[in-house]
């Protein structure tokens, strides 16, 4: 799954092992290394199923199926970055 970030003109896509591999130049092709990768224990990513690039609020919104949660990051987050907020719990079902 991928989203196109109209604000930066780059592609954001889901990677393997529940990571977000993000920010490929719009014109990238072939075996291109991502400019940024969001992964690690602090991210809270677990079974990533979807993402939205929110260019109005400069956020990356991610759904996590393993933890039944939504995690939100700054749009330019990379590395082992913790979410700026997490939605989860019985009231969110």
N, C-alpha and C. Protein backbone atom coordinates (compact mmCIF):
# COMPACT_ATOMS: atom_id res chain seq x y z
N UNK A 1 0.85 -1.17 0.00
CA UNK A 1 0.00 0.00 0.00
C UNK A 1 0.89 1.23 0.00
N UNK A 2 0.52 2.21 -0.77
CA UNK A 2 1.29 3.45 -0.85
C UNK A 2 0.34 4.64 -0.93
N UNK A 3 0.83 5.75 -0.49
CA UNK A 3 0.13 7.02 -0.59
C UNK A 3 1.08 8.00 -1.27
N UNK A 4 0.51 8.95 -1.96
CA UNK A 4 1.32 9.98 -2.59
C UNK A 4 1.19 11.24 -1.75
N UNK A 5 2.32 11.79 -1.33
CA UNK A 5 2.35 13.00 -0.52
C UNK A 5 2.41 14.20 -1.46
N UNK A 6 1.26 14.83 -1.67
CA UNK A 6 1.20 15.96 -2.59
C UNK A 6 2.05 17.13 -2.12
N UNK A 7 2.22 17.27 -0.81
CA UNK A 7 3.01 18.38 -0.27
C UNK A 7 4.47 18.28 -0.62
N UNK A 8 5.03 17.07 -0.61
CA UNK A 8 6.46 16.92 -0.88
C UNK A 8 6.74 16.29 -2.23
N UNK A 9 5.68 15.79 -2.91
CA UNK A 9 5.88 15.15 -4.20
C UNK A 9 6.60 13.83 -4.10
N UNK A 10 6.38 13.11 -3.00
CA UNK A 10 7.07 11.84 -2.77
C UNK A 10 6.06 10.74 -2.45
N UNK A 11 6.48 9.50 -2.64
CA UNK A 11 5.64 8.35 -2.33
C UNK A 11 5.96 7.84 -0.93
N UNK A 12 4.92 7.48 -0.19
CA UNK A 12 5.06 6.88 1.14
C UNK A 12 4.45 5.49 1.05
N UNK A 13 5.18 4.47 1.47
CA UNK A 13 4.63 3.12 1.33
C UNK A 13 4.90 2.27 2.55
N UNK A 14 4.07 1.24 2.70
CA UNK A 14 4.28 0.25 3.73
C UNK A 14 5.43 -0.64 3.33
N UNK A 15 6.24 -1.02 4.29
CA UNK A 15 7.34 -1.93 4.03
C UNK A 15 7.06 -3.29 4.62
N UNK A 16 8.07 -4.10 4.69
CA UNK A 16 7.93 -5.44 5.26
C UNK A 16 8.17 -5.40 6.76
N UNK A 17 7.75 -6.46 7.43
CA UNK A 17 7.92 -6.60 8.89
C UNK A 17 7.32 -5.44 9.67
N UNK A 18 6.20 -4.95 9.24
CA UNK A 18 5.44 -3.93 9.97
C UNK A 18 6.18 -2.61 10.08
N UNK A 19 7.01 -2.30 9.15
CA UNK A 19 7.70 -1.01 9.11
C UNK A 19 7.01 -0.10 8.11
N UNK A 20 7.25 1.15 8.25
CA UNK A 20 6.91 2.09 7.19
C UNK A 20 8.21 2.47 6.52
N UNK A 21 8.29 2.19 5.26
CA UNK A 21 9.43 2.68 4.49
C UNK A 21 8.85 3.83 3.70
N UNK A 22 9.35 4.99 3.95
CA UNK A 22 8.70 6.13 3.34
C UNK A 22 9.67 7.03 2.63
N UNK A 23 9.10 7.88 1.86
CA UNK A 23 9.76 8.93 1.12
C UNK A 23 10.69 8.40 0.05
N UNK A 24 10.08 8.12 -1.05
CA UNK A 24 10.79 7.86 -2.29
C UNK A 24 10.53 9.05 -3.20
N UNK A 25 11.54 9.50 -3.91
CA UNK A 25 11.27 10.59 -4.86
C UNK A 25 10.18 10.16 -5.85
N UNK A 26 9.39 11.09 -6.29
CA UNK A 26 8.29 10.81 -7.20
C UNK A 26 8.77 10.10 -8.46
N UNK A 27 9.97 10.38 -8.89
CA UNK A 27 10.49 9.81 -10.13
C UNK A 27 11.33 8.55 -9.90
N UNK A 28 11.37 8.02 -8.68
CA UNK A 28 12.18 6.83 -8.39
C UNK A 28 11.69 5.64 -9.19
N UNK A 29 12.64 4.78 -9.54
CA UNK A 29 12.30 3.54 -10.23
C UNK A 29 13.36 2.50 -9.92
N UNK A 30 13.04 1.24 -10.22
CA UNK A 30 14.01 0.18 -9.99
C UNK A 30 14.23 -0.09 -8.52
N UNK A 31 15.42 -0.52 -8.18
CA UNK A 31 15.79 -0.92 -6.82
C UNK A 31 16.29 0.29 -6.03
N UNK A 32 15.37 1.17 -5.65
CA UNK A 32 15.70 2.43 -5.00
C UNK A 32 15.61 2.31 -3.48
N UNK A 33 16.62 2.75 -2.79
CA UNK A 33 16.64 2.77 -1.32
C UNK A 33 15.77 3.94 -0.85
N UNK A 34 14.92 3.73 0.18
CA UNK A 34 14.08 4.84 0.66
C UNK A 34 14.93 5.93 1.30
N UNK A 35 14.46 7.15 1.21
CA UNK A 35 15.13 8.28 1.83
C UNK A 35 15.02 8.24 3.35
N UNK A 36 13.85 7.75 3.83
CA UNK A 36 13.61 7.64 5.27
C UNK A 36 12.87 6.34 5.55
N UNK A 37 13.13 5.75 6.72
CA UNK A 37 12.41 4.57 7.18
C UNK A 37 11.98 4.81 8.62
N UNK A 38 10.73 4.54 8.91
CA UNK A 38 10.18 4.64 10.27
C UNK A 38 10.04 3.23 10.80
N UNK A 39 10.85 2.85 11.78
CA UNK A 39 10.79 1.50 12.34
C UNK A 39 11.45 1.49 13.71
N UNK A 40 11.15 0.44 14.49
CA UNK A 40 11.75 0.28 15.81
C UNK A 40 10.69 0.19 16.89
N UNK A 41 11.10 -0.23 18.06
CA UNK A 41 10.18 -0.45 19.17
C UNK A 41 9.42 0.77 19.64
N UNK A 42 10.02 1.95 19.59
CA UNK A 42 9.36 3.16 20.07
C UNK A 42 8.23 3.62 19.16
N UNK A 43 8.21 3.14 17.91
CA UNK A 43 7.20 3.61 16.96
C UNK A 43 5.79 3.12 17.27
N UNK A 44 5.68 1.97 17.95
CA UNK A 44 4.37 1.40 18.22
C UNK A 44 3.75 0.73 17.01
N UNK A 45 4.50 0.60 15.92
CA UNK A 45 3.98 -0.05 14.72
C UNK A 45 3.85 -1.55 14.95
N UNK A 46 2.69 -2.11 14.62
CA UNK A 46 2.47 -3.55 14.83
C UNK A 46 1.38 -4.05 13.90
N UNK A 47 1.77 -4.70 12.85
CA UNK A 47 0.79 -5.18 11.88
C UNK A 47 0.16 -4.05 11.10
N UNK A 48 0.98 -3.18 10.56
CA UNK A 48 0.50 -2.01 9.83
C UNK A 48 -0.38 -2.45 8.66
N UNK A 49 -1.57 -1.86 8.58
CA UNK A 49 -2.52 -2.20 7.53
C UNK A 49 -2.88 -1.03 6.63
N UNK A 50 -2.64 0.17 7.07
CA UNK A 50 -3.01 1.31 6.24
C UNK A 50 -2.32 2.57 6.71
N UNK A 51 -2.28 3.55 5.82
CA UNK A 51 -1.69 4.83 6.19
C UNK A 51 -2.34 5.94 5.38
N UNK A 52 -2.30 7.12 5.96
CA UNK A 52 -2.81 8.32 5.30
C UNK A 52 -1.78 9.41 5.53
N UNK A 53 -1.45 10.14 4.47
CA UNK A 53 -0.60 11.31 4.59
C UNK A 53 -1.53 12.51 4.70
N UNK A 54 -1.51 13.17 5.86
CA UNK A 54 -2.35 14.34 6.10
C UNK A 54 -1.50 15.58 5.83
N UNK A 55 -1.64 16.16 4.65
CA UNK A 55 -0.82 17.32 4.29
C UNK A 55 -1.32 18.61 4.93
N UNK A 56 -2.56 18.62 5.39
CA UNK A 56 -3.09 19.82 6.06
C UNK A 56 -2.47 19.98 7.44
N UNK A 57 -2.40 18.86 8.21
CA UNK A 57 -1.85 18.90 9.57
C UNK A 57 -0.41 18.39 9.66
N UNK A 58 0.19 18.09 8.51
CA UNK A 58 1.56 17.58 8.45
C UNK A 58 1.75 16.35 9.32
N UNK A 59 0.86 15.37 9.15
CA UNK A 59 0.92 14.14 9.94
C UNK A 59 0.84 12.91 9.06
N UNK A 60 1.36 11.82 9.58
CA UNK A 60 1.26 10.50 8.98
C UNK A 60 0.41 9.67 9.94
N UNK A 61 -0.74 9.18 9.48
CA UNK A 61 -1.68 8.43 10.31
C UNK A 61 -1.64 6.97 9.88
N UNK A 62 -1.41 6.06 10.86
CA UNK A 62 -1.17 4.65 10.55
C UNK A 62 -2.12 3.77 11.36
N UNK A 63 -2.72 2.77 10.71
CA UNK A 63 -3.54 1.79 11.42
C UNK A 63 -2.69 0.54 11.70
N UNK A 64 -2.81 0.02 12.92
CA UNK A 64 -2.05 -1.15 13.38
C UNK A 64 -3.03 -2.24 13.78
N UNK A 65 -3.06 -3.33 13.02
CA UNK A 65 -4.03 -4.39 13.28
C UNK A 65 -3.69 -5.22 14.51
N UNK A 66 -2.41 -5.45 14.79
CA UNK A 66 -2.02 -6.30 15.92
C UNK A 66 -2.35 -5.68 17.27
N UNK A 67 -2.38 -4.36 17.35
CA UNK A 67 -2.68 -3.69 18.61
C UNK A 67 -4.01 -2.95 18.56
N UNK A 68 -4.75 -3.11 17.45
CA UNK A 68 -6.03 -2.43 17.28
C UNK A 68 -5.91 -0.96 17.64
N UNK A 69 -4.96 -0.30 16.99
CA UNK A 69 -4.69 1.10 17.31
C UNK A 69 -4.43 1.92 16.06
N UNK A 70 -4.47 3.22 16.24
CA UNK A 70 -4.06 4.19 15.23
C UNK A 70 -2.95 5.02 15.85
N UNK A 71 -1.82 5.10 15.15
CA UNK A 71 -0.71 5.90 15.64
C UNK A 71 -0.47 7.05 14.67
N UNK A 72 -0.10 8.20 15.23
CA UNK A 72 0.07 9.42 14.44
C UNK A 72 1.48 9.96 14.67
N UNK A 73 2.14 10.34 13.57
CA UNK A 73 3.52 10.82 13.60
C UNK A 73 3.63 12.13 12.83
N UNK A 74 4.66 12.91 13.12
CA UNK A 74 4.93 14.04 12.23
C UNK A 74 5.16 13.51 10.81
N UNK A 75 4.74 14.23 9.82
CA UNK A 75 4.83 13.75 8.44
C UNK A 75 6.25 13.41 8.02
N UNK A 76 7.25 14.06 8.60
CA UNK A 76 8.64 13.81 8.23
C UNK A 76 9.37 12.91 9.22
N UNK A 77 8.63 12.18 10.07
CA UNK A 77 9.26 11.30 11.06
C UNK A 77 10.12 10.24 10.38
N UNK A 78 11.20 9.84 11.07
CA UNK A 78 12.06 8.77 10.57
C UNK A 78 12.73 8.10 11.75
N UNK A 79 13.32 6.93 11.49
CA UNK A 79 14.01 6.20 12.55
C UNK A 79 13.05 5.62 13.56
N UNK A 80 13.49 5.54 14.79
CA UNK A 80 12.72 4.94 15.88
C UNK A 80 11.95 6.04 16.62
N UNK A 81 11.05 6.71 15.92
CA UNK A 81 10.30 7.85 16.44
C UNK A 81 8.99 7.40 17.09
N UNK A 82 8.75 7.81 18.31
CA UNK A 82 7.49 7.51 19.00
C UNK A 82 6.36 8.32 18.37
N UNK A 83 5.13 7.78 18.38
CA UNK A 83 4.00 8.54 17.86
C UNK A 83 3.72 9.78 18.71
N UNK A 84 3.16 10.81 18.08
CA UNK A 84 2.78 12.00 18.83
C UNK A 84 1.46 11.79 19.54
N UNK A 85 0.68 10.81 19.06
CA UNK A 85 -0.53 10.38 19.79
C UNK A 85 -0.95 9.01 19.28
N UNK A 86 -1.67 8.29 20.13
CA UNK A 86 -2.14 6.95 19.81
C UNK A 86 -3.60 6.83 20.22
N UNK A 87 -4.42 6.31 19.33
CA UNK A 87 -5.82 6.05 19.63
C UNK A 87 -5.98 4.55 19.80
N UNK A 88 -6.49 4.13 20.95
CA UNK A 88 -6.72 2.70 21.21
C UNK A 88 -7.61 2.56 22.44
N UNK A 89 -8.11 1.36 22.66
CA UNK A 89 -8.92 1.08 23.84
C UNK A 89 -10.34 0.71 23.48
N UNK A 90 -11.06 0.26 24.49
CA UNK A 90 -12.42 -0.25 24.30
C UNK A 90 -13.38 0.78 23.71
N UNK A 91 -13.22 2.04 24.07
CA UNK A 91 -14.14 3.08 23.59
C UNK A 91 -13.94 3.36 22.09
N UNK A 92 -12.81 2.95 21.51
CA UNK A 92 -12.55 3.22 20.11
C UNK A 92 -13.09 2.16 19.16
N UNK A 93 -13.58 1.04 19.71
CA UNK A 93 -14.09 -0.05 18.86
C UNK A 93 -15.40 0.32 18.21
